[in-house]
Amino acid sequence: LGRGVEAAIRQNNEMELVAVFTRRAPETLKIKSEN
C-alpha cells in the first residue's frame, strides 16, 4: 500500500512526498522517490 501511495502521489501535481516513516531500520529501506 505504501509503495502504491508513493506512485500515486507522482500523478498529482499539487502534491509532494516529504517523508516515509517505517518501523524498520530506515537505512535498510530503499524507496523509488529521490531526495
PDB file of all heavy atoms in Angstrom:
ATOM      1  N   LEU A   1       0.827  -1.205   0.000  1.00  0.00           N
ATOM      2  CA  LEU A   1       0.000   0.000   0.000  1.00  0.00           C
ATOM      3  C   LEU A   1       0.863   1.257   0.000  1.00  0.00           C
ATOM      4  O   LEU A   1       0.600   2.201  -0.756  1.00  0.00           O
ATOM      5  CB  LEU A   1      -0.922  -0.012   1.226  1.00  0.00           C
ATOM      6  CG  LEU A   1      -2.217   0.799   1.154  1.00  0.00           C
ATOM      7  CD1 LEU A   1      -3.059   0.382  -0.041  1.00  0.00           C
ATOM      8  CD2 LEU A   1      -3.007   0.640   2.448  1.00  0.00           C
ATOM      9  N   GLY A   2       1.898   1.277   0.797  1.00  0.00           N
ATOM     10  CA  GLY A   2       2.778   2.440   0.853  1.00  0.00           C
ATOM     11  C   GLY A   2       3.471   2.699  -0.474  1.00  0.00           C
ATOM     12  O   GLY A   2       3.591   3.849  -0.917  1.00  0.00           O
ATOM     13  N   ARG A   3       3.903   1.622  -1.138  1.00  0.00           N
ATOM     14  CA  ARG A   3       4.526   1.781  -2.455  1.00  0.00           C
ATOM     15  C   ARG A   3       3.521   2.310  -3.472  1.00  0.00           C
ATOM     16  O   ARG A   3       3.861   3.111  -4.343  1.00  0.00           O
ATOM     17  CB  ARG A   3       5.112   0.441  -2.922  1.00  0.00           C
ATOM     18  CG  ARG A   3       6.386   0.047  -2.178  1.00  0.00           C
ATOM     19  CD  ARG A   3       7.062  -1.146  -2.827  1.00  0.00           C
ATOM     20  NE  ARG A   3       6.299  -2.360  -2.634  1.00  0.00           N
ATOM     21  CZ  ARG A   3       6.427  -3.179  -1.588  1.00  0.00           C
ATOM     22  NH1 ARG A   3       7.299  -2.874  -0.627  1.00  0.00           N
ATOM     23  NH2 ARG A   3       5.700  -4.270  -1.480  1.00  0.00           N
ATOM     24  N   GLY A   4       2.270   1.873  -3.341  1.00  0.00           N
ATOM     25  CA  GLY A   4       1.232   2.372  -4.228  1.00  0.00           C
ATOM     26  C   GLY A   4       0.959   3.855  -4.018  1.00  0.00           C
ATOM     27  O   GLY A   4       0.757   4.609  -4.982  1.00  0.00           O
ATOM     28  N   VAL A   5       0.953   4.285  -2.767  1.00  0.00           N
ATOM     29  CA  VAL A   5       0.752   5.708  -2.461  1.00  0.00           C
ATOM     30  C   VAL A   5       1.897   6.537  -3.040  1.00  0.00           C
ATOM     31  O   VAL A   5       1.681   7.610  -3.624  1.00  0.00           O
ATOM     32  CB  VAL A   5       0.632   5.930  -0.938  1.00  0.00           C
ATOM     33  CG1 VAL A   5       0.707   7.417  -0.598  1.00  0.00           C
ATOM     34  CG2 VAL A   5      -0.664   5.334  -0.411  1.00  0.00           C
ATOM     35  N   GLU A   6       3.122   6.050  -2.902  1.00  0.00           N
ATOM     36  CA  GLU A   6       4.279   6.758  -3.451  1.00  0.00           C
ATOM     37  C   GLU A   6       4.109   6.978  -4.958  1.00  0.00           C
ATOM     38  O   GLU A   6       4.365   8.079  -5.469  1.00  0.00           O
ATOM     39  CB  GLU A   6       5.547   5.955  -3.180  1.00  0.00           C
ATOM     40  CG  GLU A   6       6.818   6.627  -3.690  1.00  0.00           C
ATOM     41  CD  GLU A   6       8.047   5.736  -3.554  1.00  0.00           C
ATOM     42  OE1 GLU A   6       7.896   4.492  -3.458  1.00  0.00           O
ATOM     43  OE2 GLU A   6       9.165   6.283  -3.557  1.00  0.00           O
ATOM     44  N   ALA A   7       3.648   5.953  -5.661  1.00  0.00           N
ATOM     45  CA  ALA A   7       3.450   6.076  -7.110  1.00  0.00           C
ATOM     46  C   ALA A   7       2.295   7.022  -7.426  1.00  0.00           C
ATOM     47  O   ALA A   7       2.374   7.829  -8.365  1.00  0.00           O
ATOM     48  CB  ALA A   7       3.184   4.694  -7.711  1.00  0.00           C
ATOM     49  N   ALA A   8       1.213   6.955  -6.650  1.00  0.00           N
ATOM     50  CA  ALA A   8       0.032   7.781  -6.917  1.00  0.00           C
ATOM     51  C   ALA A   8       0.320   9.262  -6.707  1.00  0.00           C
ATOM     52  O   ALA A   8      -0.219  10.112  -7.429  1.00  0.00           O
ATOM     53  CB  ALA A   8      -1.129   7.336  -6.030  1.00  0.00           C
ATOM     54  N   ILE A   9       1.155   9.593  -5.743  1.00  0.00           N
ATOM     55  CA  ILE A   9       1.487  10.996  -5.485  1.00  0.00           C
ATOM     56  C   ILE A   9       2.119  11.633  -6.725  1.00  0.00           C
ATOM     57  O   ILE A   9       1.886  12.804  -7.030  1.00  0.00           O
ATOM     58  CB  ILE A   9       2.410  11.120  -4.249  1.00  0.00           C
ATOM     59  CG1 ILE A   9       1.610  10.810  -2.975  1.00  0.00           C
ATOM     60  CG2 ILE A   9       3.032  12.512  -4.158  1.00  0.00           C
ATOM     61  CD1 ILE A   9       2.459  10.677  -1.723  1.00  0.00           C
ATOM     62  N   ARG A  10       2.908  10.850  -7.476  1.00  0.00           N
ATOM     63  CA  ARG A  10       3.557  11.368  -8.689  1.00  0.00           C
ATOM     64  C   ARG A  10       2.547  11.791  -9.753  1.00  0.00           C
ATOM     65  O   ARG A  10       2.863  12.569 -10.642  1.00  0.00           O
ATOM     66  CB  ARG A  10       4.504  10.319  -9.275  1.00  0.00           C
ATOM     67  CG  ARG A  10       5.692   9.989  -8.397  1.00  0.00           C
ATOM     68  CD  ARG A  10       6.604   8.973  -9.049  1.00  0.00           C
ATOM     69  NE  ARG A  10       7.328   9.534 -10.188  1.00  0.00           N
ATOM     70  CZ  ARG A  10       7.256   9.063 -11.425  1.00  0.00           C
ATOM     71  NH1 ARG A  10       6.469   8.042 -11.708  1.00  0.00           N
ATOM     72  NH2 ARG A  10       7.975   9.608 -12.399  1.00  0.00           N
ATOM     73  N   GLN A  11       1.336  11.252  -9.686  1.00  0.00           N
ATOM     74  CA  GLN A  11       0.315  11.580 -10.682  1.00  0.00           C
ATOM     75  C   GLN A  11      -0.518  12.801 -10.286  1.00  0.00           C
ATOM     76  O   GLN A  11      -1.436  13.180 -11.022  1.00  0.00           O
ATOM     77  CB  GLN A  11      -0.605  10.369 -10.894  1.00  0.00           C
ATOM     78  CG  GLN A  11       0.130   9.152 -11.458  1.00  0.00           C
ATOM     79  CD  GLN A  11      -0.790   7.961 -11.622  1.00  0.00           C
ATOM     80  OE1 GLN A  11      -1.713   7.758 -10.848  1.00  0.00           O
ATOM     81  NE2 GLN A  11      -0.539   7.168 -12.659  1.00  0.00           N
ATOM     82  N   ASN A  12      -0.229  13.372  -9.132  1.00  0.00           N
ATOM     83  CA  ASN A  12      -0.996  14.517  -8.633  1.00  0.00           C
ATOM     84  C   ASN A  12      -0.051  15.704  -8.459  1.00  0.00           C
ATOM     85  O   ASN A  12       0.744  15.753  -7.513  1.00  0.00           O
ATOM     86  CB  ASN A  12      -1.677  14.155  -7.308  1.00  0.00           C
ATOM     87  CG  ASN A  12      -2.778  13.124  -7.493  1.00  0.00           C
ATOM     88  OD1 ASN A  12      -3.923  13.464  -7.753  1.00  0.00           O
ATOM     89  ND2 ASN A  12      -2.428  11.848  -7.378  1.00  0.00           N
ATOM     90  N   ASN A  13      -0.162  16.658  -9.390  1.00  0.00           N
ATOM     91  CA  ASN A  13       0.836  17.718  -9.492  1.00  0.00           C
ATOM     92  C   ASN A  13       0.934  18.618  -8.276  1.00  0.00           C
ATOM     93  O   ASN A  13       1.986  19.204  -8.012  1.00  0.00           O
ATOM     94  CB  ASN A  13       0.555  18.578 -10.732  1.00  0.00           C
ATOM     95  CG  ASN A  13       0.713  17.794 -12.020  1.00  0.00           C
ATOM     96  OD1 ASN A  13       1.497  16.850 -12.073  1.00  0.00           O
ATOM     97  ND2 ASN A  13      -0.036  18.156 -13.043  1.00  0.00           N
ATOM     98  N   GLU A  14      -0.163  18.756  -7.542  1.00  0.00           N
ATOM     99  CA  GLU A  14      -0.129  19.687  -6.411  1.00  0.00           C
ATOM    100  C   GLU A  14       0.300  19.012  -5.112  1.00  0.00           C
ATOM    101  O   GLU A  14       0.230  19.595  -4.035  1.00  0.00           O
ATOM    102  CB  GLU A  14      -1.501  20.380  -6.249  1.00  0.00           C
ATOM    103  CG  GLU A  14      -2.539  19.628  -5.439  1.00  0.00           C
ATOM    104  CD  GLU A  14      -3.255  18.511  -6.203  1.00  0.00           C
ATOM    105  OE1 GLU A  14      -2.622  17.877  -7.092  1.00  0.00           O
ATOM    106  OE2 GLU A  14      -4.421  18.249  -5.890  1.00  0.00           O
ATOM    107  N   MET A  15       0.771  17.764  -5.224  1.00  0.00           N
ATOM    108  CA  MET A  15       1.205  17.021  -4.043  1.00  0.00           C
ATOM    109  C   MET A  15       2.708  16.742  -4.102  1.00  0.00           C
ATOM    110  O   MET A  15       3.275  16.552  -5.174  1.00  0.00           O
ATOM    111  CB  MET A  15       0.460  15.696  -3.931  1.00  0.00           C
ATOM    112  CG  MET A  15      -1.024  15.846  -3.686  1.00  0.00           C
ATOM    113  SD  MET A  15      -1.805  14.244  -3.419  1.00  0.00           S
ATOM    114  CE  MET A  15      -3.517  14.747  -3.244  1.00  0.00           C
ATOM    115  N   GLU A  16       3.306  16.673  -2.907  1.00  0.00           N
ATOM    116  CA  GLU A  16       4.734  16.382  -2.794  1.00  0.00           C
ATOM    117  C   GLU A  16       4.944  15.389  -1.646  1.00  0.00           C
ATOM    118  O   GLU A  16       4.434  15.597  -0.531  1.00  0.00           O
ATOM    119  CB  GLU A  16       5.500  17.677  -2.506  1.00  0.00           C
ATOM    120  CG  GLU A  16       6.990  17.478  -2.261  1.00  0.00           C
ATOM    121  CD  GLU A  16       7.676  18.736  -1.744  1.00  0.00           C
ATOM    122  OE1 GLU A  16       6.982  19.752  -1.511  1.00  0.00           O
ATOM    123  OE2 GLU A  16       8.908  18.683  -1.558  1.00  0.00           O
ATOM    124  N   LEU A  17       5.670  14.323  -1.921  1.00  0.00           N
ATOM    125  CA  LEU A  17       6.031  13.383  -0.865  1.00  0.00           C
ATOM    126  C   LEU A  17       7.215  13.954  -0.087  1.00  0.00           C
ATOM    127  O   LEU A  17       8.263  14.239  -0.681  1.00  0.00           O
ATOM    128  CB  LEU A  17       6.395  12.019  -1.468  1.00  0.00           C
ATOM    129  CG  LEU A  17       6.812  10.931  -0.471  1.00  0.00           C
ATOM    130  CD1 LEU A  17       5.678  10.591   0.487  1.00  0.00           C
ATOM    131  CD2 LEU A  17       7.269   9.676  -1.213  1.00  0.00           C
ATOM    132  N   VAL A  18       7.037  14.124   1.222  1.00  0.00           N
ATOM    133  CA  VAL A  18       8.096  14.758   2.015  1.00  0.00           C
ATOM    134  C   VAL A  18       8.779  13.806   2.996  1.00  0.00           C
ATOM    135  O   VAL A  18       9.851  14.128   3.507  1.00  0.00           O
ATOM    136  CB  VAL A  18       7.570  15.998   2.771  1.00  0.00           C
ATOM    137  CG1 VAL A  18       7.128  17.070   1.786  1.00  0.00           C
ATOM    138  CG2 VAL A  18       6.428  15.634   3.718  1.00  0.00           C
ATOM    139  N   ALA A  19       8.169  12.638   3.255  1.00  0.00           N
ATOM    140  CA  ALA A  19       8.811  11.684   4.174  1.00  0.00           C
ATOM    141  C   ALA A  19       8.108  10.336   4.103  1.00  0.00           C
ATOM    142  O   ALA A  19       6.909  10.255   3.815  1.00  0.00           O
ATOM    143  CB  ALA A  19       8.785  12.202   5.610  1.00  0.00           C
ATOM    144  N   VAL A  20       8.882   9.286   4.369  1.00  0.00           N
ATOM    145  CA  VAL A  20       8.340   7.941   4.560  1.00  0.00           C
ATOM    146  C   VAL A  20       8.783   7.473   5.936  1.00  0.00           C
ATOM    147  O   VAL A  20       9.984   7.501   6.254  1.00  0.00           O
ATOM    148  CB  VAL A  20       8.842   6.961   3.481  1.00  0.00           C
ATOM    149  CG1 VAL A  20       8.413   5.533   3.808  1.00  0.00           C
ATOM    150  CG2 VAL A  20       8.333   7.366   2.095  1.00  0.00           C
ATOM    151  N   PHE A  21       7.827   7.065   6.765  1.00  0.00           N
ATOM    152  CA  PHE A  21       8.122   6.581   8.112  1.00  0.00           C
ATOM    153  C   PHE A  21       7.967   5.064   8.151  1.00  0.00           C
ATOM    154  O   PHE A  21       7.034   4.508   7.573  1.00  0.00           O
ATOM    155  CB  PHE A  21       7.182   7.225   9.136  1.00  0.00           C
ATOM    156  CG  PHE A  21       7.305   8.718   9.215  1.00  0.00           C
ATOM    157  CD1 PHE A  21       6.315   9.542   8.698  1.00  0.00           C
ATOM    158  CD2 PHE A  21       8.415   9.311   9.793  1.00  0.00           C
ATOM    159  CE1 PHE A  21       6.415  10.920   8.759  1.00  0.00           C
ATOM    160  CE2 PHE A  21       8.539  10.694   9.859  1.00  0.00           C
ATOM    161  CZ  PHE A  21       7.531  11.495   9.341  1.00  0.00           C
ATOM    162  N   THR A  22       8.898   4.405   8.847  1.00  0.00           N
ATOM    163  CA  THR A  22       8.897   2.952   8.893  1.00  0.00           C
ATOM    164  C   THR A  22       9.273   2.457  10.284  1.00  0.00           C
ATOM    165  O   THR A  22       9.962   3.150  11.037  1.00  0.00           O
ATOM    166  CB  THR A  22       9.893   2.385   7.850  1.00  0.00           C
ATOM    167  OG1 THR A  22       9.904   0.952   7.933  1.00  0.00           O
ATOM    168  CG2 THR A  22      11.312   2.910   8.095  1.00  0.00           C
ATOM    169  N   ARG A  23       8.810   1.238  10.603  1.00  0.00           N
ATOM    170  CA  ARG A  23       9.231   0.594  11.856  1.00  0.00           C
ATOM    171  C   ARG A  23      10.554  -0.142  11.678  1.00  0.00           C
ATOM    172  O   ARG A  23      11.181  -0.540  12.661  1.00  0.00           O
ATOM    173  CB  ARG A  23       8.145  -0.385  12.322  1.00  0.00           C
ATOM    174  CG  ARG A  23       6.915   0.296  12.887  1.00  0.00           C
ATOM    175  CD  ARG A  23       5.850  -0.687  13.311  1.00  0.00           C
ATOM    176  NE  ARG A  23       5.218  -1.326  12.173  1.00  0.00           N
ATOM    177  CZ  ARG A  23       4.002  -1.868  12.204  1.00  0.00           C
ATOM    178  NH1 ARG A  23       3.303  -1.840  13.322  1.00  0.00           N
ATOM    179  NH2 ARG A  23       3.484  -2.438  11.143  1.00  0.00           N
ATOM    180  N   ARG A  24      10.950  -0.318  10.414  1.00  0.00           N
ATOM    181  CA  ARG A  24      12.223  -0.986  10.134  1.00  0.00           C
ATOM    182  C   ARG A  24      13.380  -0.011  10.360  1.00  0.00           C
ATOM    183  O   ARG A  24      13.175   1.181  10.567  1.00  0.00           O
ATOM    184  CB  ARG A  24      12.240  -1.462   8.678  1.00  0.00           C
ATOM    185  CG  ARG A  24      11.294  -2.604   8.392  1.00  0.00           C
ATOM    186  CD  ARG A  24      11.307  -2.967   6.915  1.00  0.00           C
ATOM    187  NE  ARG A  24      10.173  -2.395   6.207  1.00  0.00           N
ATOM    188  CZ  ARG A  24       9.969  -2.541   4.904  1.00  0.00           C
ATOM    189  NH1 ARG A  24      10.847  -3.216   4.176  1.00  0.00           N
ATOM    190  NH2 ARG A  24       8.910  -2.013   4.318  1.00  0.00           N
ATOM    191  N   ALA A  25      14.576  -0.526  10.289  1.00  0.00           N
ATOM    192  CA  ALA A  25      15.742   0.358  10.326  1.00  0.00           C
ATOM    193  C   ALA A  25      15.722   1.183   9.050  1.00  0.00           C
ATOM    194  O   ALA A  25      15.778   0.618   7.950  1.00  0.00           O
ATOM    195  CB  ALA A  25      17.022  -0.460  10.424  1.00  0.00           C
ATOM    196  N   PRO A  26      15.613   2.509   9.136  1.00  0.00           N
ATOM    197  CA  PRO A  26      15.441   3.340   7.933  1.00  0.00           C
ATOM    198  C   PRO A  26      16.507   3.117   6.870  1.00  0.00           C
ATOM    199  O   PRO A  26      16.205   3.160   5.671  1.00  0.00           O
ATOM    200  CB  PRO A  26      15.502   4.773   8.491  1.00  0.00           C
ATOM    201  CG  PRO A  26      15.058   4.649   9.907  1.00  0.00           C
ATOM    202  CD  PRO A  26      15.585   3.322  10.372  1.00  0.00           C
ATOM    203  N   GLU A  27      17.745   2.851   7.286  1.00  0.00           N
ATOM    204  CA  GLU A  27      18.828   2.698   6.308  1.00  0.00           C
ATOM    205  C   GLU A  27      18.660   1.432   5.455  1.00  0.00           C
ATOM    206  O   GLU A  27      19.293   1.301   4.397  1.00  0.00           O
ATOM    207  CB  GLU A  27      20.192   2.683   7.009  1.00  0.00           C
ATOM    208  CG  GLU A  27      20.413   1.541   7.972  1.00  0.00           C
ATOM    209  CD  GLU A  27      19.902   1.834   9.385  1.00  0.00           C
ATOM    210  OE1 GLU A  27      19.167   2.835   9.563  1.00  0.00           O
ATOM    211  OE2 GLU A  27      20.256   1.058  10.301  1.00  0.00           O
ATOM    212  N   THR A  28      17.796   0.500   5.891  1.00  0.00           N
ATOM    213  CA  THR A  28      17.591  -0.739   5.128  1.00  0.00           C
ATOM    214  C   THR A  28      16.473  -0.619   4.105  1.00  0.00           C
ATOM    215  O   THR A  28      16.269  -1.526   3.298  1.00  0.00           O
ATOM    216  CB  THR A  28      17.254  -1.908   6.072  1.00  0.00           C
ATOM    217  OG1 THR A  28      15.969  -1.668   6.686  1.00  0.00           O
ATOM    218  CG2 THR A  28      18.308  -2.068   7.150  1.00  0.00           C
ATOM    219  N   LEU A  29      15.760   0.508   4.128  1.00  0.00           N
ATOM    220  CA  LEU A  29      14.596   0.673   3.253  1.00  0.00           C
ATOM    221  C   LEU A  29      14.943   1.555   2.051  1.00  0.00           C
ATOM    222  O   LEU A  29      15.388   2.688   2.218  1.00  0.00           O
ATOM    223  CB  LEU A  29      13.442   1.305   4.041  1.00  0.00           C
ATOM    224  CG  LEU A  29      12.086   1.385   3.333  1.00  0.00           C
ATOM    225  CD1 LEU A  29      11.561  -0.009   3.021  1.00  0.00           C
ATOM    226  CD2 LEU A  29      11.081   2.134   4.201  1.00  0.00           C
ATOM    227  N   LYS A  30      14.758   1.031   0.872  1.00  0.00           N
ATOM    228  CA  LYS A  30      15.021   1.784  -0.352  1.00  0.00           C
ATOM    229  C   LYS A  30      13.699   2.134  -1.018  1.00  0.00           C
ATOM    230  O   LYS A  30      12.913   1.243  -1.347  1.00  0.00           O
ATOM    231  CB  LYS A  30      15.886   0.964  -1.319  1.00  0.00           C
ATOM    232  CG  LYS A  30      17.218   0.515  -0.733  1.00  0.00           C
ATOM    233  CD  LYS A  30      18.081   1.701  -0.299  1.00  0.00           C
ATOM    234  CE  LYS A  30      19.402   1.220   0.304  1.00  0.00           C
ATOM    235  NZ  LYS A  30      20.179   2.345   0.878  1.00  0.00           N
ATOM    236  N   ILE A  31      13.436   3.418  -1.215  1.00  0.00           N
ATOM    237  CA  ILE A  31      12.220   3.856  -1.881  1.00  0.00           C
ATOM    238  C   ILE A  31      12.569   4.368  -3.281  1.00  0.00           C
ATOM    239  O   ILE A  31      13.742   4.579  -3.596  1.00  0.00           O
ATOM    240  CB  ILE A  31      11.477   4.934  -1.070  1.00  0.00           C
ATOM    241  CG1 ILE A  31      12.286   6.240  -1.012  1.00  0.00           C
ATOM    242  CG2 ILE A  31      11.178   4.426   0.346  1.00  0.00           C
ATOM    243  CD1 ILE A  31      11.527   7.394  -0.375  1.00  0.00           C
ATOM    244  N   LYS A  32      11.570   4.586  -4.119  1.00  0.00           N
ATOM    245  CA  LYS A  32      11.820   4.998  -5.503  1.00  0.00           C
ATOM    246  C   LYS A  32      11.988   6.504  -5.649  1.00  0.00           C
ATOM    247  O   LYS A  32      12.628   6.964  -6.583  1.00  0.00           O
ATOM    248  CB  LYS A  32      10.684   4.498  -6.396  1.00  0.00           C
ATOM    249  CG  LYS A  32      10.667   2.978  -6.541  1.00  0.00           C
ATOM    250  CD  LYS A  32       9.666   2.526  -7.588  1.00  0.00           C
ATOM    251  CE  LYS A  32       9.739   1.012  -7.788  1.00  0.00           C
ATOM    252  NZ  LYS A  32       8.788   0.544  -8.819  1.00  0.00           N
ATOM    253  N   SER A  33      11.388   7.272  -4.753  1.00  0.00           N
ATOM    254  CA  SER A  33      11.454   8.732  -4.857  1.00  0.00           C
ATOM    255  C   SER A  33      12.823   9.236  -4.446  1.00  0.00           C
ATOM    256  O   SER A  33      13.380   8.813  -3.423  1.00  0.00           O
ATOM    257  CB  SER A  33      10.386   9.369  -3.968  1.00  0.00           C
ATOM    258  OG  SER A  33       9.106   8.928  -4.328  1.00  0.00           O
ATOM    259  N   GLU A  34      13.368  10.155  -5.239  1.00  0.00           N
ATOM    260  CA  GLU A  34      14.672  10.718  -4.930  1.00  0.00           C
ATOM    261  C   GLU A  34      14.544  11.880  -3.953  1.00  0.00           C
ATOM    262  O   GLU A  34      13.563  12.623  -3.966  1.00  0.00           O
ATOM    263  CB  GLU A  34      15.344  11.205  -6.222  1.00  0.00           C
ATOM    264  CG  GLU A  34      15.663  10.083  -7.193  1.00  0.00           C
ATOM    265  CD  GLU A  34      16.328  10.596  -8.457  1.00  0.00           C
ATOM    266  OE1 GLU A  34      16.497  11.835  -8.574  1.00  0.00           O
ATOM    267  OE2 GLU A  34      16.681   9.778  -9.317  1.00  0.00           O
ATOM    268  N   ASN A  35      15.548  12.013  -3.097  1.00  0.00           N
ATOM    269  CA  ASN A  35      15.648  13.138  -2.157  1.00  0.00           C
ATOM    270  C   ASN A  35      14.485  13.217  -1.179  1.00  0.00           C
ATOM    271  O   ASN A  35      14.109  14.303  -0.722  1.00  0.00           O
ATOM    272  CB  ASN A  35      15.767  14.467  -2.927  1.00  0.00           C
ATOM    273  CG  ASN A  35      16.956  14.477  -3.871  1.00  0.00           C
ATOM    274  OD1 ASN A  35      18.041  14.030  -3.521  1.00  0.00           O
ATOM    275  ND2 ASN A  35      16.722  14.960  -5.085  1.00  0.00           N
TER     276      ASN A  35
END
